[in-house]
Structures are given as C-alpha cells and as structure tokens.
Amino acid sequence: MTSFLYTSIQNIKYFGPAAIKKLLRLKIKTVGDLLYHFPFRYDDFSNFTPIATLEPNTQVTIRGTVVSVKNINIFKRRMTLTEAIIEDGAGDNIKSIWFNQPYLLDLFKAGRQVNLSGKVALNKKHLCLSNPAYEFVNKDPLHTGRLVPVYPETYGLTSRWLRLCVKPLLRFVDKIPDILPDELKKIYRLPGLNYALSQIHFPDTIEKSETAKRRFAFEELFILQLFMGMERLKVATKNAPMVNFDERAAKKFVASLSFDLTEDQKKSAWQIIQDMQKNQPMNRLLEGDVGSGKTIVAAMAAYLVALSGQQAAFMAPTEILSRQHYEKIWPLFNQFGFETGLMTSSEAKISGNAVPKKELIKKIEAGKIPVVIGTHSLIQKNVAFKNLALVVIDEQHRFGVNQRAKLLRQDNGLIPHLLSMSATPIPRTLGLTVWGDLDLSLIKKLPKGRKNIITKIVPPAKREWAYDFIKGEIKKGRQAFVICPLVEESEKLPVKAATKEYERLQKEIFPELKIGLLHGRLKPKEKEKIMAAFLNKEIDILAATSVVEVGIDIPNATVMIIEGADRFGLASLYQFRGRVGRGEHQSYCFLLTDSPSTATNERLRAIETAQSGFDLAEKDLELRGPGDFTGVRQSGLPDLAIASLTNLELVQETREAAKKILSESPSLKNYPLLAAKVAAFQSRIHFE
C-alpha cells in the first residue's frame, strides 16, 4: 500500500476535473500530497452552548432542530438570503442567516437536527448566527461539535471541502507502511503513522494534535538529515589530492603579515589544514563577519597548496571583488617566489602585470601558476588546471561536486578540496540541517583595532539631520551609501525606490555632490563600472538596492543610510552595514523607517546594539522564522520542516537518529522505505 500515497488524485473517483484543478493550485498531485496537507490551526467547536446564554461577538457551537427555513430575494443587491430558525432542547431559538446559498432551502428541512458553529452577531437588536458552518447530526461530525481543522486554502477551495476530501482517505492509512523504524519511534516517543494522520487532521484534543505534529516535524527533519548525511558520505567516497603541511613555512607566512592573527583565525586555519591533509575532499564553510579576516585564512591555505607543488583556484562573484582579492593576495605570494594569476572576462594578470589571456591559460595548464584568482570564468571549458588541490569560493555556501569537476583535467580524477567563505551568519539550527553537509569554521572576533560601527534608528523628523551628517563626512573626504528596498516606485508598497531617490538626492539634497546609481537590473559591466568609479572616489554618494549586500571593500566609505530599514531582514541589514567600517575612520549606519510597528522597532533595536553577526542571526531566526533565510523558503522544504528549524532539541534528535541509521546502512539498503522517501525528497529539493 506504499503506492497508495503516490496515487494520482486523478485516479480518485470523487475528484472531478474542477476539484483536481483546484487541488493542483495547492500543488496537491497525489494522495500523499493531500494527506500531508496539514491544517495550520483548529477551531474549537467541541462544546455546545445553550441558545439562552449566547452573547454577541463570541464563537459558539449550538445543537438544535430546524423549525422553519425560507429564501428571501433582495433584488436591489442581486442577493439571496437564506433564513433558518433553530430551536435547542430548552425551547430557545435563534435565527441563522446565509448569503447566496439558496440550495440550503432543500437541506434545512423542518425537524432535522443540526449543529451550527460560528460567530454570534447582533441584527436589529436580535441575536443571530451569520454564515455559520453547519452539519446535520451524525455519529462522526467533521465541521462542528469538535476541534475543526482549518487548512491553507486557495480560491474556490475551502477548508470544509478539504475536510470532506481527507476524511474518507483516512480509512486506508492503517495499510500504509510507516517509514519510521519502530526503534526510532520508541526512542523518541513518536506515534505511529495511522494515529498521527488521524490526529493531525481530526484531533480528539489539542494535546493529541501537538503529538501528531511533532511526529511529522520529526519525520520531515529526519529525511532532511538523512539526505545531508548521505551527501556527506557521497563526498567522502571521492578521492582528493593530499596537501602536505609544512609547519615552518606556515609560521614564516604568518610572520610576513603586518598584523597578528586572531585566535579564531588560527583555529579556522588549523581546521582547514587538517582537512587538506586527508585524501577525502574537504567541504568546509568559513563563516565570519565582514572584515573578520576570512581572506587571509584562505590565502594561508592556498600558500600551503602552492608549497606542495599544487594549484588553488580562488573564485569571487564579481570582477571587482576578484580584483580586490587579487591586489591583497599577489604581493603576499610574490615575496615567496610564487606567481599569482588574475582571470576575469575582461582582464588577465600574472603577479600584478597584464598579460594576454592565452598566456595565462597556458601557464595554468602547465601548472606554473599555483594560485589563480577570478570570477566563474575560471570554470570555462578552455581552462584546465594541471594539479588543482583547492577551490575557494567567496560568498557562496555551496559549490557542487559537478561544478568542481569542471575545474579539473579529465585525466586527473581527483576532486579538489572546497572552502566556501560567507559573511552571512548561519544560525546554529540551520547549520545542523540545511547546511548539514558542510563542516563549519567560525571567525567570531574582529581583528584588533577595528572600530565598531555606530548605528542609530532615525525617525522621519530627523531625516535632515542624517543628510547634514553625510555632508559633513564628505567634506572630510569620505564617501557614503544610500540603500533603498526597491529599484522602481511601487503603488503597492509605500517605500523608497533607488531610481527616484537617486533623482531626489541629485536634484534636491546634494546638488553639489557626485551621485551614482546601482541596482540589479544593470548589466554586469555597468555595475562593475559604477563600483570602480566609487572605489576610485569619482562618486561621493552611491544610491543602491540590495546588490551591495554581497561585498566590495570601500575603505573610504564611512556613512550608510538605509531607507525603509523595516523592509529588510536583520541578516541583510547587517550585511549592508558591513560595507562601511572597512578603513581606519569611525563609521556610521543610520536606519530610516516610517513604520510605527513595535515588532519592527524591536528588530531594528537588535541591529542598533549588535556587534556580532552570529548573535544577530539567532535573533533574526527568533523574530522572523527560518523561512526568510537565504535559500530556505525557495528550497522546496515542507512548511512543517521549515517551522521546526528553530527547534534545537528536535534538530539534534533528528541529526542523532540519521547518524544512527546511516552508520548501520550508509546507502539505506536495509531501509527501502526511507530510501524511497529520501529519493523523492531529493527530486524536489534545491539548495543554494
């Protein structure tokens, strides 16, 4: 009966073409999709209220007998009103009204017993029930006289109709094999599938619905953990080039730096070094706040690769960021006699000197350039590394085995080690689940001497003060960012757009200053040109959208204004703020908001006081939920799994359970039901 879950709804006899069309709008294609389309809340209509005790504006359930019923046509409004008089056992009665449901006249026959659930209204000084849910008395009520499930709906598809669809399917669930092994259910106190499905759709009590919900949250997170665990094992079966660790050379490299490494940098570097000494591919994410020194840790790893006679590829999302990394790194390697290449779509360099691209490619293929820095143009078909041992990716959490394979010579067969770098902090529970296939290294402390960015919430009345502050900073020779939530004006959202703000700043606020405009609709070359002009101090103020979130180093920028700050998540705000404070001067970030919301102010106060991105990520998870984190909502994860990503205890339990199962059966050969579920999960999931 496992196949029953995968039965198309088109093969279920009581679903007609119109119903199927509606279900498909909710992405319900199979019986399993429908059974796993869980209620998001329950209306408690389990207790009957005597009509004599009813009060206005209360939700109630009554039981009574139909005394009379009639339809009233209201021609002016083109409306039909159905009125029924219902009398309870005590002899009290109440009028119930429905709009535009004339067919009810044939259902509400005098003498029939009925349950009604809804809100008590006051109509011309008389109490009535307006559009109540109704159900004629039977042994097993669905819509009244119980905890009634309310489902996510779509136009023309109501919870009442969904309840009628789900109820008959529950007769067959005892024949569906439970994918959770009995041992796990016992250890983690989880109910069986039959009980859980019945109680999540039609619970006897709220407590039983919570027990069922916990079981399905466990199941969905457990499948995610199995998938991530199998991804880890898949990488572990590949072979990688081993990188020798020369301790004396490493100390020499560190001594050549003009600053001391922090303890977090040393710890992260050591974790990476240990990984690269193995013949299994490293799959590590190096996390650290903007300016925490991730690049130098990656450079140290690349240096050890070069010492071993191997190659490292260092990739950044934009040309200008690649160039900035290159300008920092090539002098370091040059002092030790190693050539460093830069390759983007527009230029090629070797150790600071421009060269023809063909010459650089030829040297890479010969293994004469140990470190190459560039954009994704490094994955071109005509670029083949001779002995690639390490790939460093900036601002991308994942870089798949297939993508890494594109950086290899076909005759090599070894998968390079991968080090991803990100300034977007990942909350602990997401690190254990959505990014569970990666090992994490954390740089939490900033280098000595780095000044905290002064952050203030600016109300509308103090906007002019913020503009005057910018003028003062620019007079000192500094630069500023103005961030807007949108590119163009929106009728639906009362928030500032970058194009309009650019025009306003240019004409009304700073007519004497040079202002640039940057947004996501510009072509890559145009973006590069504008950012280069800003970097070269040809622009005083840059008006931009969230494209500045992924970073560029502008040490001279000391002020940032974020318009409509309430429109952004804390993680994004923190990333924006990190664009300033990169140099020696004190920097400032002003959060402008017109929102009076208490929740908004709580979020903005969190960033006003926060200096650690990691603490802020946990706060963001608490305030907004995990669905708003990059890639999570778009991943295809079930809503219940997403909601459960905040539950550390459940996350740890499912991780523990997945490890146990995979230690017994790495390919899930002994657990065919789980294997099928993971395969189905994999087909619909897509992570960054």
Foldseek 3Di string as FASTA:
>chain_A
DQCQQVAFPVPVVVQDPVNSVFVVVVVDGHNVSLLPQFFPFWDFQQDADAPVPDDAFDKYKHKFFWADKDWDQDPVVRKIKIWTWTAHPVGDIAIEIEIRPVVVNVVRDGGFMKMWTAGWHADPNGIHGYRTDMDTDDDDDADHNATHGFGDGDPPGGSVNSSVVNVVVLVCQVVHDFLDDPVLCVVVVADTPSQLSCCRHGNRDVVSVVSSLLNVLLVQLLLLLLLLLLLLVVQQVFFAAAFDDDPVVLVVLQVPDPAHQDPLLVVLLVVLNVQRRDGGAAFAEEEEAQQQPPLVSVLSVLVSCVVRLAAEEEAEAAAQQLVVSCVVRLVSVVVVPAWEWEDEPVFIDISPHTDPPVVVQVCQCVSRHRYYTYHLCLLDQSREGPGYAEYEYEADNDDDQVSQVSRHDPVPRHRHHYYYYHHQADAPLCCCGVVVNHHYRYRWDHGPLQDFAQEEEDEPVCPLVQLVVLVVLVVVVFAEEEEWAAQDDDPVDPTDHLVVVQVCCCPPRCVPFFEEEEEDVDDSVVNVVRVVCVLVVVHRYYYYYLPCLRDDARARYAEYEYTQLLVDFLSSVSSVQSNYSRHNDHHYYYYYHHDPDPLSVVLSVCNSPDPTSRVNNLVSCVSPFQCPPPFPVVFQRDPSNRNCSNPNVSSVSSSVVSVVQCVVPVCCPVSVSSNVVSVVVVVRGDGD
